[in-house]
Amino acid sequence: MKFIDEKLRAPPQSAARVPEKTAVSAGDCGLLLVRITFGLLMAGHGSQKLFGILGGEGLDATGKGFAALGYHPGALYAAIGGGSEFLGGLGLALGLFTPLASAALIGVMINAMATVTAAHGLWETQGGVEFNVCIAVVALAIAAIGPGRYALDRPFRWGRGGWSEAAFALFVGGIAAAIVLSL
């Protein structure tokens, strides 16, 4: 019986010779699809604020809106918010500096929730935090999962995702939001 137990626990001899998986998986493609779609939409949202394209009002008008929310000088904070969305979105789309890109989006969403949407409850139909929470959670999940096989971060340690990458994104995004909210 002991011999059988040892044989069952031992790895098969052929396991050492199996080459690394090279086939494209549905998971690889699914994560790429999420990153590209989510990242480019966030970059587009930021470009509306920064450049006034894609139906946006541009930096001057966005700055006036930020000033009305209590951010002074409004244009500076509009540039920070728009730049965080633009660069964070591009970073996620490319899978480049993924934890930092996630942190940028998390920080902006915390600010949006604290200054605009939290007073309106949960649901977007009432102007609530629903959409902001979804953006922050997707960004955090991508930091935790990692950008995947088709990403510029793949050769780097942080390109595999994990607890430390997720904690970094949440901590840096939260600290940046706290600093902005305290000014």
C-alpha atoms as a PDB file:
ATOM      1  CA  MET A   1       0.000   0.000   0.000  1.00  0.00           C
ATOM      2  CA  LYS A   2       2.871   2.351   0.804  1.00  0.00           C
ATOM      3  CA  PHE A   3       4.327   1.776  -2.684  1.00  0.00           C
ATOM      4  CA  ILE A   4       1.016   2.721  -4.330  1.00  0.00           C
ATOM      5  CA  ASP A   5       0.704   5.893  -2.234  1.00  0.00           C
ATOM      6  CA  GLU A   6       4.235   6.956  -3.225  1.00  0.00           C
ATOM      7  CA  LYS A   7       3.492   6.349  -6.922  1.00  0.00           C
ATOM      8  CA  LEU A   8       0.280   8.385  -6.729  1.00  0.00           C
ATOM      9  CA  ARG A   9       2.103  11.333  -5.138  1.00  0.00           C
ATOM     10  CA  ALA A  10       5.093  11.295  -7.462  1.00  0.00           C
ATOM     11  CA  PRO A  11       4.876  13.563 -10.513  1.00  0.00           C
ATOM     12  CA  PRO A  12       4.671  11.724 -13.818  1.00  0.00           C
ATOM     13  CA  GLN A  13       7.991  11.273 -15.602  1.00  0.00           C
ATOM     14  CA  SER A  14       6.679  13.052 -18.714  1.00  0.00           C
ATOM     15  CA  ALA A  15       5.693  16.181 -16.748  1.00  0.00           C
ATOM     16  CA  ALA A  16       9.262  17.475 -16.785  1.00  0.00           C
ATOM     17  CA  ARG A  17       9.357  17.316 -20.573  1.00  0.00           C
ATOM     18  CA  VAL A  18       6.068  19.151 -21.260  1.00  0.00           C
ATOM     19  CA  PRO A  19       6.867  22.485 -22.958  1.00  0.00           C
ATOM     20  CA  GLU A  20       5.492  25.733 -21.549  1.00  0.00           C
ATOM     21  CA  LYS A  21       1.960  26.497 -22.699  1.00  0.00           C
ATOM     22  CA  THR A  22       2.179  28.547 -25.883  1.00  0.00           C
ATOM     23  CA  ALA A  23      -1.399  28.374 -27.144  1.00  0.00           C
ATOM     24  CA  VAL A  24      -3.541  31.484 -26.898  1.00  0.00           C
ATOM     25  CA  SER A  25      -6.099  31.006 -24.152  1.00  0.00           C
ATOM     26  CA  ALA A  26      -9.545  32.530 -23.803  1.00  0.00           C
ATOM     27  CA  GLY A  27      -8.359  34.069 -20.521  1.00  0.00           C
ATOM     28  CA  ASP A  28      -5.435  35.807 -22.254  1.00  0.00           C
ATOM     29  CA  CYS A  29      -7.740  37.252 -24.886  1.00  0.00           C
ATOM     30  CA  GLY A  30     -10.464  38.132 -22.390  1.00  0.00           C
ATOM     31  CA  LEU A  31      -8.074  40.093 -20.178  1.00  0.00           C
ATOM     32  CA  LEU A  32      -6.651  41.872 -23.227  1.00  0.00           C
ATOM     33  CA  LEU A  33     -10.182  42.789 -24.324  1.00  0.00           C
ATOM     34  CA  VAL A  34     -11.037  44.186 -20.878  1.00  0.00           C
ATOM     35  CA  ARG A  35      -7.775  46.141 -20.674  1.00  0.00           C
ATOM     36  CA  ILE A  36      -8.060  47.645 -24.157  1.00  0.00           C
ATOM     37  CA  THR A  37     -11.755  48.515 -23.915  1.00  0.00           C
ATOM     38  CA  PHE A  38     -11.630  49.851 -20.373  1.00  0.00           C
ATOM     39  CA  GLY A  39      -8.279  51.579 -20.821  1.00  0.00           C
ATOM     40  CA  LEU A  40      -9.133  53.321 -24.080  1.00  0.00           C
ATOM     41  CA  LEU A  41     -12.519  54.464 -22.793  1.00  0.00           C
ATOM     42  CA  MET A  42     -10.834  55.945 -19.704  1.00  0.00           C
ATOM     43  CA  ALA A  43      -8.159  57.571 -21.884  1.00  0.00           C
ATOM     44  CA  GLY A  44     -10.928  59.006 -24.065  1.00  0.00           C
ATOM     45  CA  HIS A  45     -12.716  60.331 -20.980  1.00  0.00           C
ATOM     46  CA  GLY A  46      -9.506  62.039 -19.868  1.00  0.00           C
ATOM     47  CA  SER A  47      -8.908  63.469 -23.333  1.00  0.00           C
ATOM     48  CA  GLN A  48     -12.342  65.097 -23.192  1.00  0.00           C
ATOM     49  CA  LYS A  49     -11.165  67.045 -20.149  1.00  0.00           C
ATOM     50  CA  LEU A  50      -7.653  67.757 -21.415  1.00  0.00           C
ATOM     51  CA  PHE A  51      -8.086  68.385 -25.127  1.00  0.00           C
ATOM     52  CA  GLY A  52     -11.785  69.060 -25.671  1.00  0.00           C
ATOM     53  CA  ILE A  53     -12.108  66.191 -28.134  1.00  0.00           C
ATOM     54  CA  LEU A  54     -14.639  63.363 -28.324  1.00  0.00           C
ATOM     55  CA  GLY A  55     -17.401  65.720 -27.214  1.00  0.00           C
ATOM     56  CA  GLY A  56     -15.495  67.111 -24.236  1.00  0.00           C
ATOM     57  CA  GLU A  57     -15.348  70.726 -23.146  1.00  0.00           C
ATOM     58  CA  GLY A  58     -11.588  70.998 -22.817  1.00  0.00           C
ATOM     59  CA  LEU A  59      -9.339  72.146 -20.024  1.00  0.00           C
ATOM     60  CA  ASP A  60     -10.702  75.679 -19.549  1.00  0.00           C
ATOM     61  CA  ALA A  61     -14.347  74.651 -19.165  1.00  0.00           C
ATOM     62  CA  THR A  62     -13.423  71.567 -17.136  1.00  0.00           C
ATOM     63  CA  GLY A  63     -11.277  73.782 -14.903  1.00  0.00           C
ATOM     64  CA  LYS A  64     -14.274  76.011 -14.221  1.00  0.00           C
ATOM     65  CA  GLY A  65     -16.283  72.937 -13.271  1.00  0.00           C
ATOM     66  CA  PHE A  66     -13.535  71.783 -10.909  1.00  0.00           C
ATOM     67  CA  ALA A  67     -13.371  75.255  -9.356  1.00  0.00           C
ATOM     68  CA  ALA A  68     -17.133  75.123  -8.753  1.00  0.00           C
ATOM     69  CA  LEU A  69     -16.554  71.870  -6.843  1.00  0.00           C
ATOM     70  CA  GLY A  70     -14.018  73.601  -4.606  1.00  0.00           C
ATOM     71  CA  TYR A  71     -10.791  72.630  -6.369  1.00  0.00           C
ATOM     72  CA  HIS A  72      -8.604  75.734  -6.657  1.00  0.00           C
ATOM     73  CA  PRO A  73      -7.012  76.443  -9.047  1.00  0.00           C
ATOM     74  CA  GLY A  74      -9.591  74.590 -11.106  1.00  0.00           C
ATOM     75  CA  ALA A  75      -7.504  74.307 -14.269  1.00  0.00           C
ATOM     76  CA  LEU A  76      -4.663  72.626 -12.379  1.00  0.00           C
ATOM     77  CA  TYR A  77      -6.961  70.069 -10.797  1.00  0.00           C
ATOM     78  CA  ALA A  78      -8.723  69.496 -14.122  1.00  0.00           C
ATOM     79  CA  ALA A  79      -5.316  68.775 -15.672  1.00  0.00           C
ATOM     80  CA  ILE A  80      -4.459  66.372 -12.841  1.00  0.00           C
ATOM     81  CA  GLY A  81      -7.806  64.573 -13.099  1.00  0.00           C
ATOM     82  CA  GLY A  82      -7.836  64.467 -16.892  1.00  0.00           C
ATOM     83  CA  GLY A  83      -4.181  63.456 -17.012  1.00  0.00           C
ATOM     84  CA  SER A  84      -4.767  60.663 -14.505  1.00  0.00           C
ATOM     85  CA  GLU A  85      -7.660  59.317 -16.561  1.00  0.00           C
ATOM     86  CA  PHE A  86      -5.794  59.723 -19.857  1.00  0.00           C
ATOM     87  CA  LEU A  87      -2.445  58.255 -18.780  1.00  0.00           C
ATOM     88  CA  GLY A  88      -3.992  55.664 -16.455  1.00  0.00           C
ATOM     89  CA  GLY A  89      -6.274  54.506 -19.257  1.00  0.00           C
ATOM     90  CA  LEU A  90      -3.430  54.298 -21.776  1.00  0.00           C
ATOM     91  CA  GLY A  91      -1.306  52.437 -19.234  1.00  0.00           C
ATOM     92  CA  LEU A  92      -4.005  49.827 -18.719  1.00  0.00           C
ATOM     93  CA  ALA A  93      -4.701  49.506 -22.447  1.00  0.00           C
ATOM     94  CA  LEU A  94      -1.016  48.870 -23.151  1.00  0.00           C
ATOM     95  CA  GLY A  95      -0.387  46.890 -19.993  1.00  0.00           C
ATOM     96  CA  LEU A  96       2.352  49.375 -19.108  1.00  0.00           C
ATOM     97  CA  PHE A  97       3.146  50.285 -15.477  1.00  0.00           C
ATOM     98  CA  THR A  98      -0.116  48.546 -14.641  1.00  0.00           C
ATOM     99  CA  PRO A  99      -0.145  49.066 -10.837  1.00  0.00           C
ATOM    100  CA  LEU A 100       0.577  52.780 -11.288  1.00  0.00           C
ATOM    101  CA  ALA A 101      -2.032  53.131 -14.046  1.00  0.00           C
ATOM    102  CA  SER A 102      -4.559  51.432 -11.760  1.00  0.00           C
ATOM    103  CA  ALA A 103      -3.594  53.749  -8.895  1.00  0.00           C
ATOM    104  CA  ALA A 104      -4.204  56.811 -11.089  1.00  0.00           C
ATOM    105  CA  LEU A 105      -7.738  55.688 -11.922  1.00  0.00           C
ATOM    106  CA  ILE A 106      -8.518  54.618  -8.363  1.00  0.00           C
ATOM    107  CA  GLY A 107      -7.391  58.007  -7.032  1.00  0.00           C
ATOM    108  CA  VAL A 108      -9.539  59.940  -9.498  1.00  0.00           C
ATOM    109  CA  MET A 109     -12.578  57.791  -8.707  1.00  0.00           C
ATOM    110  CA  ILE A 110     -12.154  58.254  -4.959  1.00  0.00           C
ATOM    111  CA  ASN A 111     -12.117  62.018  -5.549  1.00  0.00           C
ATOM    112  CA  ALA A 112     -15.177  61.818  -7.789  1.00  0.00           C
ATOM    113  CA  MET A 113     -17.041  59.824  -5.167  1.00  0.00           C
ATOM    114  CA  ALA A 114     -16.029  62.113  -2.308  1.00  0.00           C
ATOM    115  CA  THR A 115     -16.855  65.385  -4.041  1.00  0.00           C
ATOM    116  CA  VAL A 116     -19.672  64.622  -6.463  1.00  0.00           C
ATOM    117  CA  THR A 117     -21.438  61.284  -6.377  1.00  0.00           C
ATOM    118  CA  ALA A 118     -21.434  60.057  -2.751  1.00  0.00           C
ATOM    119  CA  ALA A 119     -24.120  62.553  -1.749  1.00  0.00           C
ATOM    120  CA  HIS A 120     -26.479  60.947  -4.278  1.00  0.00           C
ATOM    121  CA  GLY A 121     -26.362  57.371  -3.017  1.00  0.00           C
ATOM    122  CA  LEU A 122     -25.406  54.239  -4.893  1.00  0.00           C
ATOM    123  CA  TRP A 123     -27.182  54.202  -8.231  1.00  0.00           C
ATOM    124  CA  GLU A 124     -26.052  56.146 -11.285  1.00  0.00           C
ATOM    125  CA  THR A 125     -29.668  56.958 -12.171  1.00  0.00           C
ATOM    126  CA  GLN A 126     -29.711  59.213  -9.112  1.00  0.00           C
ATOM    127  CA  GLY A 127     -26.171  60.546  -9.729  1.00  0.00           C
ATOM    128  CA  GLY A 128     -24.652  58.057  -7.261  1.00  0.00           C
ATOM    129  CA  VAL A 129     -21.328  56.259  -6.938  1.00  0.00           C
ATOM    130  CA  GLU A 130     -22.212  53.140  -8.957  1.00  0.00           C
ATOM    131  CA  PHE A 131     -20.112  54.005 -12.024  1.00  0.00           C
ATOM    132  CA  ASN A 132     -17.159  55.317  -9.984  1.00  0.00           C
ATOM    133  CA  VAL A 133     -17.088  52.151  -7.884  1.00  0.00           C
ATOM    134  CA  CYS A 134     -17.116  49.991 -11.015  1.00  0.00           C
ATOM    135  CA  ILE A 135     -14.178  51.877 -12.513  1.00  0.00           C
ATOM    136  CA  ALA A 136     -12.153  51.682  -9.292  1.00  0.00           C
ATOM    137  CA  VAL A 137     -12.862  47.967  -8.837  1.00  0.00           C
ATOM    138  CA  VAL A 138     -11.932  47.072 -12.429  1.00  0.00           C
ATOM    139  CA  ALA A 139      -8.681  49.025 -12.096  1.00  0.00           C
ATOM    140  CA  LEU A 140      -7.903  47.302  -8.788  1.00  0.00           C
ATOM    141  CA  ALA A 141      -8.751  43.872 -10.224  1.00  0.00           C
ATOM    142  CA  ILE A 142      -6.414  44.410 -13.188  1.00  0.00           C
ATOM    143  CA  ALA A 143      -3.610  45.338 -10.775  1.00  0.00           C
ATOM    144  CA  ALA A 144      -4.322  42.165  -8.764  1.00  0.00           C
ATOM    145  CA  ILE A 145      -4.646  39.846 -11.774  1.00  0.00           C
ATOM    146  CA  GLY A 146      -1.827  41.474 -13.709  1.00  0.00           C
ATOM    147  CA  PRO A 147      -2.030  42.783 -17.251  1.00  0.00           C
ATOM    148  CA  GLY A 148      -1.793  39.318 -18.776  1.00  0.00           C
ATOM    149  CA  ARG A 149       0.228  37.695 -21.476  1.00  0.00           C
ATOM    150  CA  TYR A 150      -0.168  40.469 -24.063  1.00  0.00           C
ATOM    151  CA  ALA A 151       1.193  43.433 -22.135  1.00  0.00           C
ATOM    152  CA  LEU A 152       4.289  45.575 -22.174  1.00  0.00           C
ATOM    153  CA  ASP A 153       4.720  44.873 -18.445  1.00  0.00           C
ATOM    154  CA  ARG A 154       5.020  41.116 -18.949  1.00  0.00           C
ATOM    155  CA  PRO A 155       8.819  40.942 -18.600  1.00  0.00           C
ATOM    156  CA  PHE A 156       8.754  42.806 -15.292  1.00  0.00           C
ATOM    157  CA  ARG A 157       7.949  41.437 -11.838  1.00  0.00           C
ATOM    158  CA  TRP A 158       4.930  43.722 -11.429  1.00  0.00           C
ATOM    159  CA  GLY A 159       3.621  42.445 -14.766  1.00  0.00           C
ATOM    160  CA  ARG A 160       2.364  39.276 -13.104  1.00  0.00           C
ATOM    161  CA  GLY A 161      -0.004  40.999 -10.681  1.00  0.00           C
ATOM    162  CA  GLY A 162      -0.528  39.845  -7.136  1.00  0.00           C
ATOM    163  CA  TRP A 163      -1.379  41.047  -3.656  1.00  0.00           C
ATOM    164  CA  SER A 164       1.491  43.540  -3.500  1.00  0.00           C
ATOM    165  CA  GLU A 165       0.564  45.108  -6.852  1.00  0.00           C
ATOM    166  CA  ALA A 166      -3.079  45.421  -5.807  1.00  0.00           C
ATOM    167  CA  ALA A 167      -2.072  46.875  -2.429  1.00  0.00           C
ATOM    168  CA  PHE A 168       0.258  49.349  -4.172  1.00  0.00           C
ATOM    169  CA  ALA A 169      -2.519  50.510  -6.527  1.00  0.00           C
ATOM    170  CA  LEU A 170      -5.030  50.912  -3.719  1.00  0.00           C
ATOM    171  CA  PHE A 171      -2.554  52.576  -1.332  1.00  0.00           C
ATOM    172  CA  VAL A 172      -1.091  55.032  -3.863  1.00  0.00           C
ATOM    173  CA  GLY A 173      -4.526  55.850  -5.317  1.00  0.00           C
ATOM    174  CA  GLY A 174      -5.938  56.352  -1.838  1.00  0.00           C
ATOM    175  CA  ILE A 175      -3.034  58.504  -0.627  1.00  0.00           C
ATOM    176  CA  ALA A 176      -3.135  60.652  -3.781  1.00  0.00           C
ATOM    177  CA  ALA A 177      -6.900  61.122  -3.357  1.00  0.00           C
ATOM    178  CA  ALA A 178      -6.467  62.006   0.319  1.00  0.00           C
ATOM    179  CA  ILE A 179      -3.809  64.595  -0.506  1.00  0.00           C
ATOM    180  CA  VAL A 180      -5.964  66.213  -3.192  1.00  0.00           C
ATOM    181  CA  LEU A 181      -9.048  66.187  -0.968  1.00  0.00           C
ATOM    182  CA  SER A 182      -7.148  67.775   1.905  1.00  0.00           C
ATOM    183  CA  LEU A 183      -5.865  70.734  -0.134  1.00  0.00           C
END
